[in-house]
C-alpha atoms as a PDB file:
ATOM      1  CA  UNK A   1      97.930 142.062 147.922  1.00  0.00           C
ATOM      2  CA  UNK A   2     100.165 139.239 146.376  1.00  0.00           C
ATOM      3  CA  UNK A   3     103.236 140.241 144.417  1.00  0.00           C
ATOM      4  CA  UNK A   4     102.945 139.552 140.738  1.00  0.00           C
ATOM      5  CA  UNK A   5     104.448 136.410 139.555  1.00  0.00           C
ATOM      6  CA  UNK A   6     106.786 136.594 136.483  1.00  0.00           C
ATOM      7  CA  UNK A   7     105.015 134.951 133.369  1.00  0.00           C
ATOM      8  CA  UNK A   8     106.736 131.749 132.075  1.00  0.00           C
ATOM      9  CA  UNK A   9     107.422 132.113 128.568  1.00  0.00           C
ATOM     10  CA  UNK A  10     105.779 129.253 126.649  1.00  0.00           C
ATOM     11  CA  UNK A  11     108.108 128.129 123.629  1.00  0.00           C
ATOM     12  CA  UNK A  12     106.243 126.672 121.068  1.00  0.00           C
ATOM     13  CA  UNK A  13     107.278 124.003 118.775  1.00  0.00           C
ATOM     14  CA  UNK A  14     106.782 124.300 115.011  1.00  0.00           C
ATOM     15  CA  UNK A  15     104.469 121.630 113.416  1.00  0.00           C
ATOM     16  CA  UNK A  16     105.063 119.735 110.222  1.00  0.00           C
ATOM     17  CA  UNK A  17     103.469 117.098 108.269  1.00  0.00           C
ATOM     18  CA  UNK A  18     104.931 113.659 107.443  1.00  0.00           C
ATOM     19  CA  UNK A  19     104.878 113.205 103.753  1.00  0.00           C
ATOM     20  CA  UNK A  20     104.085 109.654 104.083  1.00  0.00           C
ATOM     21  CA  UNK A  21     101.112 109.389 106.459  1.00  0.00           C
ATOM     22  CA  UNK A  22     100.109 113.166 106.473  1.00  0.00           C
ATOM     23  CA  UNK A  23     100.037 113.354 110.267  1.00  0.00           C
ATOM     24  CA  UNK A  24     101.036 116.649 111.973  1.00  0.00           C
ATOM     25  CA  UNK A  25     103.580 116.558 114.755  1.00  0.00           C
ATOM     26  CA  UNK A  26     106.232 118.608 116.339  1.00  0.00           C
ATOM     27  CA  UNK A  27     109.282 119.466 114.173  1.00  0.00           C
ATOM     28  CA  UNK A  28     111.750 117.550 116.396  1.00  0.00           C
ATOM     29  CA  UNK A  29     110.076 114.282 116.329  1.00  0.00           C
ATOM     30  CA  UNK A  30     110.351 114.033 112.642  1.00  0.00           C
ATOM     31  CA  UNK A  31     113.439 113.401 110.263  1.00  0.00           C
ATOM     32  CA  UNK A  32     114.087 116.026 107.715  1.00  0.00           C
ATOM     33  CA  UNK A  33     115.343 115.398 104.112  1.00  0.00           C
ATOM     34  CA  UNK A  34     116.612 118.239 102.177  1.00  0.00           C
ATOM     35  CA  UNK A  35     117.180 119.104  98.596  1.00  0.00           C
ATOM     36  CA  UNK A  36     120.166 121.507  98.746  1.00  0.00           C
ATOM     37  CA  UNK A  37     120.554 124.620  96.164  1.00  0.00           C
ATOM     38  CA  UNK A  38     123.103 122.528  94.495  1.00  0.00           C
ATOM     39  CA  UNK A  39     120.188 119.758  93.759  1.00  0.00           C
ATOM     40  CA  UNK A  40     121.648 116.951  96.244  1.00  0.00           C
ATOM     41  CA  UNK A  41     119.079 115.063  98.196  1.00  0.00           C
ATOM     42  CA  UNK A  42     120.107 114.153 101.519  1.00  0.00           C
ATOM     43  CA  UNK A  43     119.290 113.485 105.121  1.00  0.00           C
ATOM     44  CA  UNK A  44     119.403 116.536 107.387  1.00  0.00           C
ATOM     45  CA  UNK A  45     119.945 115.442 110.959  1.00  0.00           C
ATOM     46  CA  UNK A  46     120.416 118.938 112.517  1.00  0.00           C
ATOM     47  CA  UNK A  47     117.129 120.264 110.612  1.00  0.00           C
ATOM     48  CA  UNK A  48     118.907 123.468 109.667  1.00  0.00           C
ATOM     49  CA  UNK A  49     120.474 122.747 106.283  1.00  0.00           C
ATOM     50  CA  UNK A  50     119.630 125.290 103.439  1.00  0.00           C
ATOM     51  CA  UNK A  51     117.220 124.105 100.768  1.00  0.00           C
ATOM     52  CA  UNK A  52     113.671 122.663 100.477  1.00  0.00           C
ATOM     53  CA  UNK A  53     112.751 120.092 103.119  1.00  0.00           C
ATOM     54  CA  UNK A  54     110.327 117.423 103.672  1.00  0.00           C
ATOM     55  CA  UNK A  55     109.596 115.592 106.902  1.00  0.00           C
ATOM     56  CA  UNK A  56     108.853 112.033 107.511  1.00  0.00           C
ATOM     57  CA  UNK A  57     108.184 110.003 110.810  1.00  0.00           C
ATOM     58  CA  UNK A  58     111.190 108.174 112.335  1.00  0.00           C
ATOM     59  CA  UNK A  59     109.077 104.660 111.466  1.00  0.00           C
ATOM     60  CA  UNK A  60     110.014 101.983 108.983  1.00  0.00           C
ATOM     61  CA  UNK A  61     106.582 102.098 107.462  1.00  0.00           C
ATOM     62  CA  UNK A  62     106.627 105.911 106.872  1.00  0.00           C
ATOM     63  CA  UNK A  63     110.303 105.730 105.448  1.00  0.00           C
ATOM     64  CA  UNK A  64     109.455 103.002 102.837  1.00  0.00           C
ATOM     65  CA  UNK A  65     106.280 104.769 102.081  1.00  0.00           C
ATOM     66  CA  UNK A  66     107.852 108.094 101.338  1.00  0.00           C
ATOM     67  CA  UNK A  67     110.683 106.489  99.178  1.00  0.00           C
ATOM     68  CA  UNK A  68     108.623 103.792  97.219  1.00  0.00           C
ATOM     69  CA  UNK A  69     105.559 106.076  96.752  1.00  0.00           C
ATOM     70  CA  UNK A  70     106.801 109.076  95.017  1.00  0.00           C
ATOM     71  CA  UNK A  71     105.850 111.270  97.792  1.00  0.00           C
ATOM     72  CA  UNK A  72     109.474 112.549  98.542  1.00  0.00           C
ATOM     73  CA  UNK A  73     110.067 113.379  94.842  1.00  0.00           C
ATOM     74  CA  UNK A  74     106.850 115.526  94.851  1.00  0.00           C
ATOM     75  CA  UNK A  75     107.732 117.027  98.037  1.00  0.00           C
ATOM     76  CA  UNK A  76     111.336 118.173  97.058  1.00  0.00           C
ATOM     77  CA  UNK A  77     110.201 118.659  93.461  1.00  0.00           C
ATOM     78  CA  UNK A  78     113.000 116.756  91.857  1.00  0.00           C
ATOM     79  CA  UNK A  79     113.282 113.271  90.492  1.00  0.00           C
ATOM     80  CA  UNK A  80     115.207 110.879  92.682  1.00  0.00           C
ATOM     81  CA  UNK A  81     117.185 108.245  91.143  1.00  0.00           C
ATOM     82  CA  UNK A  82     117.734 104.658  92.341  1.00  0.00           C
ATOM     83  CA  UNK A  83     121.287 105.423  93.855  1.00  0.00           C
ATOM     84  CA  UNK A  84     120.053 108.322  95.897  1.00  0.00           C
ATOM     85  CA  UNK A  85     116.766 106.427  96.975  1.00  0.00           C
ATOM     86  CA  UNK A  86     119.102 103.449  98.108  1.00  0.00           C
ATOM     87  CA  UNK A  87     121.412 105.667 100.084  1.00  0.00           C
ATOM     88  CA  UNK A  88     118.756 107.639 101.588  1.00  0.00           C
ATOM     89  CA  UNK A  89     116.977 104.229 102.737  1.00  0.00           C
ATOM     90  CA  UNK A  90     120.131 103.179 104.505  1.00  0.00           C
ATOM     91  CA  UNK A  91     120.761 106.391 106.096  1.00  0.00           C
ATOM     92  CA  UNK A  92     117.138 106.750 107.387  1.00  0.00           C
ATOM     93  CA  UNK A  93     117.191 103.115 108.462  1.00  0.00           C
ATOM     94  CA  UNK A  94     120.234 103.795 110.579  1.00  0.00           C
ATOM     95  CA  UNK A  95     118.428 106.796 112.278  1.00  0.00           C
ATOM     96  CA  UNK A  96     115.400 104.684 113.009  1.00  0.00           C
ATOM     97  CA  UNK A  97     114.940 103.748 116.826  1.00  0.00           C
ATOM     98  CA  UNK A  98     115.350 100.115 117.614  1.00  0.00           C
ATOM     99  CA  UNK A  99     112.070  98.055 117.982  1.00  0.00           C
END
């Protein structure tokens, strides 16, 4: 008889959907944008801020699509003004991987 091997714990990664292209992927592979309880829309690099969140792929195409098409506004259930949109676009562009 062979001794029992301890089972390795399989850690599952939460799955999230990109609001631009609607593809499902692991939470850590996506960028999170959050509407805080104060109503401020901002990038959440840690993925742990309090508030309603929306996820988008770290690609220029998905970022552009989510900001221009109104998907982000629908996902966060708040209208997004031009200043906030420009600020988010610059923050998201800075966090995109170099191509």
